Protein backbone atom coordinates (compact mmCIF):
# COMPACT_ATOMS: atom_id res chain seq x y z
CA UNK A 1 0.00 0.00 0.00
CA UNK A 2 1.20 3.51 -0.77
CA UNK A 3 0.02 7.01 -0.03
CA UNK A 4 -1.39 8.77 -3.07
CA UNK A 5 0.41 11.86 -4.25
CA UNK A 6 -0.97 15.19 -3.11
CA UNK A 7 -0.46 18.84 -3.94
CA UNK A 8 2.74 20.31 -2.56
CA UNK A 9 3.96 23.91 -2.67
CA UNK A 10 7.64 23.13 -3.16
CA UNK A 11 8.22 22.11 -6.76
CA UNK A 12 11.59 20.48 -6.04
CA UNK A 13 10.03 18.30 -3.30
CA UNK A 14 7.19 17.13 -5.52
CA UNK A 15 9.62 16.10 -8.29
CA UNK A 16 11.77 14.16 -5.83
CA UNK A 17 8.68 12.50 -4.38
CA UNK A 18 7.41 11.69 -7.87
CA UNK A 19 10.71 10.08 -8.89
CA UNK A 20 10.91 8.01 -5.70
CA UNK A 21 7.30 6.96 -6.06
CA UNK A 22 7.86 5.98 -9.69
CA UNK A 23 10.78 3.72 -8.77
CA UNK A 24 8.72 2.05 -6.03
CA UNK A 25 5.70 1.51 -8.31
CA UNK A 26 7.92 0.15 -11.11
CA UNK A 27 9.65 -2.29 -8.74
CA UNK A 28 6.28 -3.54 -7.48
CA UNK A 29 4.88 -3.87 -11.01
CA UNK A 30 7.95 -5.81 -12.17
CA UNK A 31 7.34 -8.31 -9.37
CA UNK A 32 3.59 -8.35 -10.13
CA UNK A 33 2.80 -7.11 -6.63
CA UNK A 34 -0.58 -5.35 -6.53
CA UNK A 35 -0.55 -1.73 -5.36
CA UNK A 36 -3.30 -0.10 -3.33
CA UNK A 37 -3.26 3.67 -2.90
CA UNK A 38 -4.80 5.64 -0.05
CA UNK A 39 -5.20 9.39 0.16
CA UNK A 40 -3.77 11.21 3.20
CA UNK A 41 -7.36 11.83 4.34
CA UNK A 42 -8.25 8.11 4.10
CA UNK A 43 -5.14 7.19 6.10
CA UNK A 44 -5.86 9.74 8.82
CA UNK A 45 -9.50 8.63 9.05
CA UNK A 46 -8.49 4.98 9.33
CA UNK A 47 -5.86 5.61 12.00
CA UNK A 48 -7.46 8.44 14.00
CA UNK A 49 -11.13 8.32 13.04
CA UNK A 50 -10.80 11.83 11.60
CA UNK A 51 -9.69 12.57 8.05
CA UNK A 52 -8.50 16.02 9.12
CA UNK A 53 -6.25 14.74 11.92
CA UNK A 54 -2.94 16.52 12.44
CA UNK A 55 0.50 14.91 12.19
CA UNK A 56 0.64 15.01 15.99
CA UNK A 57 -2.67 13.14 16.28
CA UNK A 58 -1.48 10.47 13.85
CA UNK A 59 1.79 10.17 15.78
CA UNK A 60 -0.14 9.80 19.06
CA UNK A 61 -2.43 7.07 17.67
CA UNK A 62 0.46 5.12 16.14
CA UNK A 63 2.23 5.25 19.51
CA UNK A 64 -0.95 3.95 21.16
CA UNK A 65 -1.41 1.15 18.62
CA UNK A 66 2.24 0.10 18.57
CA UNK A 67 3.84 0.78 21.96
CA UNK A 68 7.54 0.53 21.15
CA UNK A 69 10.41 0.89 23.60
CA UNK A 70 11.60 3.85 21.57
CA UNK A 71 9.28 5.91 19.41
CA UNK A 72 10.45 6.58 15.83
CA UNK A 73 12.05 10.00 15.47
CA UNK A 74 11.13 10.74 11.85
CA UNK A 75 7.69 11.59 10.50
CA UNK A 76 8.38 9.24 7.56
CA UNK A 77 8.35 6.26 9.91
CA UNK A 78 4.99 7.31 11.35
CA UNK A 79 3.63 7.88 7.84
CA UNK A 80 4.71 4.37 6.81
CA UNK A 81 3.13 2.82 9.90
CA UNK A 82 -0.05 4.81 9.28
CA UNK A 83 -0.28 3.59 5.66
CA UNK A 84 0.30 -0.01 6.79
CA UNK A 85 -2.34 0.36 9.52
CA UNK A 86 -4.83 1.82 7.05
CA UNK A 87 -4.23 -1.04 4.62
CA UNK A 88 -4.55 -3.64 7.38
CA UNK A 89 -7.83 -2.09 8.54
CA UNK A 90 -9.17 -1.99 4.98
CA UNK A 91 -8.22 -5.62 4.28
CA UNK A 92 -9.83 -6.68 7.57
CA UNK A 93 -13.13 -5.13 6.45
CA UNK A 94 -13.00 -6.86 3.06
CA UNK A 95 -12.77 -10.35 4.55
C-alpha atoms as a PDB file:
ATOM      1  CA  UNK A   1       0.000   0.000   0.000  1.00  0.00           C
ATOM      2  CA  UNK A   2       1.202   3.508  -0.771  1.00  0.00           C
ATOM      3  CA  UNK A   3       0.021   7.010  -0.027  1.00  0.00           C
ATOM      4  CA  UNK A   4      -1.392   8.766  -3.068  1.00  0.00           C
ATOM      5  CA  UNK A   5       0.409  11.856  -4.246  1.00  0.00           C
ATOM      6  CA  UNK A   6      -0.965  15.187  -3.106  1.00  0.00           C
ATOM      7  CA  UNK A   7      -0.460  18.843  -3.945  1.00  0.00           C
ATOM      8  CA  UNK A   8       2.739  20.314  -2.561  1.00  0.00           C
ATOM      9  CA  UNK A   9       3.957  23.914  -2.670  1.00  0.00           C
ATOM     10  CA  UNK A  10       7.638  23.134  -3.156  1.00  0.00           C
ATOM     11  CA  UNK A  11       8.220  22.106  -6.757  1.00  0.00           C
ATOM     12  CA  UNK A  12      11.589  20.485  -6.039  1.00  0.00           C
ATOM     13  CA  UNK A  13      10.029  18.299  -3.305  1.00  0.00           C
ATOM     14  CA  UNK A  14       7.191  17.134  -5.521  1.00  0.00           C
ATOM     15  CA  UNK A  15       9.617  16.100  -8.289  1.00  0.00           C
ATOM     16  CA  UNK A  16      11.775  14.164  -5.825  1.00  0.00           C
ATOM     17  CA  UNK A  17       8.678  12.505  -4.385  1.00  0.00           C
ATOM     18  CA  UNK A  18       7.413  11.687  -7.872  1.00  0.00           C
ATOM     19  CA  UNK A  19      10.712  10.081  -8.891  1.00  0.00           C
ATOM     20  CA  UNK A  20      10.909   8.013  -5.700  1.00  0.00           C
ATOM     21  CA  UNK A  21       7.305   6.958  -6.055  1.00  0.00           C
ATOM     22  CA  UNK A  22       7.861   5.985  -9.692  1.00  0.00           C
ATOM     23  CA  UNK A  23      10.776   3.724  -8.772  1.00  0.00           C
ATOM     24  CA  UNK A  24       8.723   2.048  -6.033  1.00  0.00           C
ATOM     25  CA  UNK A  25       5.705   1.513  -8.306  1.00  0.00           C
ATOM     26  CA  UNK A  26       7.922   0.151 -11.106  1.00  0.00           C
ATOM     27  CA  UNK A  27       9.646  -2.294  -8.743  1.00  0.00           C
ATOM     28  CA  UNK A  28       6.282  -3.536  -7.476  1.00  0.00           C
ATOM     29  CA  UNK A  29       4.882  -3.865 -11.009  1.00  0.00           C
ATOM     30  CA  UNK A  30       7.951  -5.807 -12.171  1.00  0.00           C
ATOM     31  CA  UNK A  31       7.344  -8.306  -9.370  1.00  0.00           C
ATOM     32  CA  UNK A  32       3.591  -8.346 -10.132  1.00  0.00           C
ATOM     33  CA  UNK A  33       2.802  -7.106  -6.632  1.00  0.00           C
ATOM     34  CA  UNK A  34      -0.578  -5.347  -6.533  1.00  0.00           C
ATOM     35  CA  UNK A  35      -0.552  -1.735  -5.361  1.00  0.00           C
ATOM     36  CA  UNK A  36      -3.299  -0.098  -3.333  1.00  0.00           C
ATOM     37  CA  UNK A  37      -3.259   3.674  -2.901  1.00  0.00           C
ATOM     38  CA  UNK A  38      -4.803   5.638  -0.047  1.00  0.00           C
ATOM     39  CA  UNK A  39      -5.197   9.393   0.161  1.00  0.00           C
ATOM     40  CA  UNK A  40      -3.772  11.207   3.196  1.00  0.00           C
ATOM     41  CA  UNK A  41      -7.363  11.829   4.341  1.00  0.00           C
ATOM     42  CA  UNK A  42      -8.245   8.108   4.098  1.00  0.00           C
ATOM     43  CA  UNK A  43      -5.145   7.192   6.100  1.00  0.00           C
ATOM     44  CA  UNK A  44      -5.861   9.737   8.825  1.00  0.00           C
ATOM     45  CA  UNK A  45      -9.502   8.626   9.049  1.00  0.00           C
ATOM     46  CA  UNK A  46      -8.495   4.981   9.328  1.00  0.00           C
ATOM     47  CA  UNK A  47      -5.861   5.610  12.001  1.00  0.00           C
ATOM     48  CA  UNK A  48      -7.459   8.443  13.997  1.00  0.00           C
ATOM     49  CA  UNK A  49     -11.130   8.317  13.039  1.00  0.00           C
ATOM     50  CA  UNK A  50     -10.799  11.834  11.601  1.00  0.00           C
ATOM     51  CA  UNK A  51      -9.693  12.566   8.046  1.00  0.00           C
ATOM     52  CA  UNK A  52      -8.502  16.015   9.117  1.00  0.00           C
ATOM     53  CA  UNK A  53      -6.248  14.736  11.918  1.00  0.00           C
ATOM     54  CA  UNK A  54      -2.943  16.519  12.439  1.00  0.00           C
ATOM     55  CA  UNK A  55       0.501  14.909  12.191  1.00  0.00           C
ATOM     56  CA  UNK A  56       0.643  15.011  15.991  1.00  0.00           C
ATOM     57  CA  UNK A  57      -2.672  13.141  16.281  1.00  0.00           C
ATOM     58  CA  UNK A  58      -1.483  10.465  13.847  1.00  0.00           C
ATOM     59  CA  UNK A  59       1.791  10.166  15.780  1.00  0.00           C
ATOM     60  CA  UNK A  60      -0.143   9.796  19.064  1.00  0.00           C
ATOM     61  CA  UNK A  61      -2.430   7.073  17.674  1.00  0.00           C
ATOM     62  CA  UNK A  62       0.455   5.121  16.139  1.00  0.00           C
ATOM     63  CA  UNK A  63       2.235   5.251  19.505  1.00  0.00           C
ATOM     64  CA  UNK A  64      -0.954   3.948  21.157  1.00  0.00           C
ATOM     65  CA  UNK A  65      -1.410   1.150  18.620  1.00  0.00           C
ATOM     66  CA  UNK A  66       2.240   0.098  18.570  1.00  0.00           C
ATOM     67  CA  UNK A  67       3.836   0.779  21.956  1.00  0.00           C
ATOM     68  CA  UNK A  68       7.535   0.534  21.153  1.00  0.00           C
ATOM     69  CA  UNK A  69      10.408   0.891  23.598  1.00  0.00           C
ATOM     70  CA  UNK A  70      11.598   3.850  21.568  1.00  0.00           C
ATOM     71  CA  UNK A  71       9.280   5.907  19.406  1.00  0.00           C
ATOM     72  CA  UNK A  72      10.455   6.578  15.832  1.00  0.00           C
ATOM     73  CA  UNK A  73      12.054  10.003  15.472  1.00  0.00           C
ATOM     74  CA  UNK A  74      11.132  10.739  11.846  1.00  0.00           C
ATOM     75  CA  UNK A  75       7.694  11.593  10.504  1.00  0.00           C
ATOM     76  CA  UNK A  76       8.380   9.245   7.563  1.00  0.00           C
ATOM     77  CA  UNK A  77       8.349   6.258   9.912  1.00  0.00           C
ATOM     78  CA  UNK A  78       4.990   7.308  11.345  1.00  0.00           C
ATOM     79  CA  UNK A  79       3.632   7.877   7.840  1.00  0.00           C
ATOM     80  CA  UNK A  80       4.708   4.366   6.806  1.00  0.00           C
ATOM     81  CA  UNK A  81       3.128   2.817   9.902  1.00  0.00           C
ATOM     82  CA  UNK A  82      -0.052   4.813   9.282  1.00  0.00           C
ATOM     83  CA  UNK A  83      -0.275   3.593   5.659  1.00  0.00           C
ATOM     84  CA  UNK A  84       0.298  -0.005   6.788  1.00  0.00           C
ATOM     85  CA  UNK A  85      -2.337   0.357   9.521  1.00  0.00           C
ATOM     86  CA  UNK A  86      -4.834   1.819   7.052  1.00  0.00           C
ATOM     87  CA  UNK A  87      -4.234  -1.041   4.623  1.00  0.00           C
ATOM     88  CA  UNK A  88      -4.554  -3.645   7.381  1.00  0.00           C
ATOM     89  CA  UNK A  89      -7.829  -2.094   8.541  1.00  0.00           C
ATOM     90  CA  UNK A  90      -9.167  -1.986   4.977  1.00  0.00           C
ATOM     91  CA  UNK A  91      -8.225  -5.621   4.284  1.00  0.00           C
ATOM     92  CA  UNK A  92      -9.829  -6.677   7.568  1.00  0.00           C
ATOM     93  CA  UNK A  93     -13.129  -5.130   6.447  1.00  0.00           C
ATOM     94  CA  UNK A  94     -12.998  -6.864   3.059  1.00  0.00           C
ATOM     95  CA  UNK A  95     -12.772 -10.350   4.547  1.00  0.00           C
END
